[in-house]
């Protein structure tokens, strides 16, 4: 089980790396590709952790602005 901070970090890196799961997983050494995709789908539909706690620079849709 992952804590919210770990999950949020993985989601943020996934978005930062242009939705390239391998790059985010390589940096963090977690989660699995399947788990990261599930987290991102939850976030995209507004049910995930990033939708609940928007980082600085978030847009109206609840997604962080590109870096």
C-alpha atoms as a PDB file:
ATOM      1  CA  UNK A   1       0.000   0.000   0.000  1.00  0.00           C
ATOM      2  CA  UNK A   2       1.283   3.467  -0.863  1.00  0.00           C
ATOM      3  CA  UNK A   3       0.825   6.574   1.233  1.00  0.00           C
ATOM      4  CA  UNK A   4      -0.826   9.607  -0.348  1.00  0.00           C
ATOM      5  CA  UNK A   5       2.489  11.472  -0.741  1.00  0.00           C
ATOM      6  CA  UNK A   6       4.025   8.584  -2.707  1.00  0.00           C
ATOM      7  CA  UNK A   7       1.000   8.306  -4.947  1.00  0.00           C
ATOM      8  CA  UNK A   8       0.865  12.071  -5.553  1.00  0.00           C
ATOM      9  CA  UNK A   9       4.594  12.158  -6.370  1.00  0.00           C
ATOM     10  CA  UNK A  10       4.176   9.350  -8.904  1.00  0.00           C
ATOM     11  CA  UNK A  11       1.202  11.086 -10.548  1.00  0.00           C
ATOM     12  CA  UNK A  12       3.059  14.407 -10.724  1.00  0.00           C
ATOM     13  CA  UNK A  13       6.114  12.822 -12.337  1.00  0.00           C
ATOM     14  CA  UNK A  14       3.927  10.945 -14.811  1.00  0.00           C
ATOM     15  CA  UNK A  15       2.381  14.244 -15.945  1.00  0.00           C
ATOM     16  CA  UNK A  16       5.727  16.103 -15.878  1.00  0.00           C
ATOM     17  CA  UNK A  17       7.352  13.456 -18.094  1.00  0.00           C
ATOM     18  CA  UNK A  18       4.665  13.800 -20.734  1.00  0.00           C
ATOM     19  CA  UNK A  19       2.599  10.827 -19.525  1.00  0.00           C
ATOM     20  CA  UNK A  20       5.534   8.457 -19.957  1.00  0.00           C
ATOM     21  CA  UNK A  21       5.080   5.853 -17.252  1.00  0.00           C
ATOM     22  CA  UNK A  22       8.496   4.246 -17.711  1.00  0.00           C
ATOM     23  CA  UNK A  23      10.306   7.515 -16.948  1.00  0.00           C
ATOM     24  CA  UNK A  24       8.330   8.138 -13.748  1.00  0.00           C
ATOM     25  CA  UNK A  25       8.696   4.542 -12.578  1.00  0.00           C
ATOM     26  CA  UNK A  26      12.426   4.552 -13.361  1.00  0.00           C
ATOM     27  CA  UNK A  27      12.973   7.627 -11.193  1.00  0.00           C
ATOM     28  CA  UNK A  28      10.828   6.466  -8.276  1.00  0.00           C
ATOM     29  CA  UNK A  29      11.336   2.691  -8.559  1.00  0.00           C
ATOM     30  CA  UNK A  30       7.614   2.288  -7.857  1.00  0.00           C
ATOM     31  CA  UNK A  31       4.681   1.668  -8.679  1.00  0.00           C
ATOM     32  CA  UNK A  32       3.985  -0.861 -11.396  1.00  0.00           C
ATOM     33  CA  UNK A  33       2.911   0.416 -14.799  1.00  0.00           C
ATOM     34  CA  UNK A  34      -0.606  -0.941 -14.237  1.00  0.00           C
ATOM     35  CA  UNK A  35      -0.917   0.776 -10.850  1.00  0.00           C
ATOM     36  CA  UNK A  36       0.301   4.124 -12.190  1.00  0.00           C
ATOM     37  CA  UNK A  37      -2.220   3.969 -15.039  1.00  0.00           C
ATOM     38  CA  UNK A  38      -5.020   3.208 -12.566  1.00  0.00           C
ATOM     39  CA  UNK A  39      -4.034   6.163 -10.373  1.00  0.00           C
ATOM     40  CA  UNK A  40      -3.880   8.479 -13.392  1.00  0.00           C
ATOM     41  CA  UNK A  41      -7.311   7.356 -14.602  1.00  0.00           C
ATOM     42  CA  UNK A  42      -8.764   8.092 -11.155  1.00  0.00           C
ATOM     43  CA  UNK A  43      -7.124  11.529 -11.176  1.00  0.00           C
ATOM     44  CA  UNK A  44      -8.291  12.257 -14.704  1.00  0.00           C
ATOM     45  CA  UNK A  45     -11.915  11.506 -13.771  1.00  0.00           C
ATOM     46  CA  UNK A  46     -11.654  13.736 -10.709  1.00  0.00           C
ATOM     47  CA  UNK A  47     -11.552  10.999  -8.088  1.00  0.00           C
ATOM     48  CA  UNK A  48      -7.816  10.736  -7.484  1.00  0.00           C
ATOM     49  CA  UNK A  49      -5.366  12.388  -5.145  1.00  0.00           C
ATOM     50  CA  UNK A  50      -4.292  15.212  -7.456  1.00  0.00           C
ATOM     51  CA  UNK A  51      -7.923  16.248  -7.913  1.00  0.00           C
ATOM     52  CA  UNK A  52      -8.238  16.533  -4.134  1.00  0.00           C
ATOM     53  CA  UNK A  53      -4.985  18.363  -3.444  1.00  0.00           C
ATOM     54  CA  UNK A  54      -4.097  20.555  -6.394  1.00  0.00           C
ATOM     55  CA  UNK A  55      -0.433  21.591  -6.586  1.00  0.00           C
ATOM     56  CA  UNK A  56       0.621  25.193  -7.165  1.00  0.00           C
ATOM     57  CA  UNK A  57      -0.028  26.265 -10.741  1.00  0.00           C
ATOM     58  CA  UNK A  58      -3.046  23.992 -11.151  1.00  0.00           C
ATOM     59  CA  UNK A  59      -5.505  24.782 -13.887  1.00  0.00           C
ATOM     60  CA  UNK A  60      -9.285  24.976 -13.594  1.00  0.00           C
ATOM     61  CA  UNK A  61      -9.589  21.339 -14.699  1.00  0.00           C
ATOM     62  CA  UNK A  62      -7.615  20.188 -11.651  1.00  0.00           C
ATOM     63  CA  UNK A  63      -4.489  19.298 -13.615  1.00  0.00           C
ATOM     64  CA  UNK A  64      -1.153  20.931 -12.996  1.00  0.00           C
ATOM     65  CA  UNK A  65       0.184  23.307 -15.575  1.00  0.00           C
ATOM     66  CA  UNK A  66       2.997  21.914 -17.773  1.00  0.00           C
ATOM     67  CA  UNK A  67       6.486  22.677 -16.508  1.00  0.00           C
END
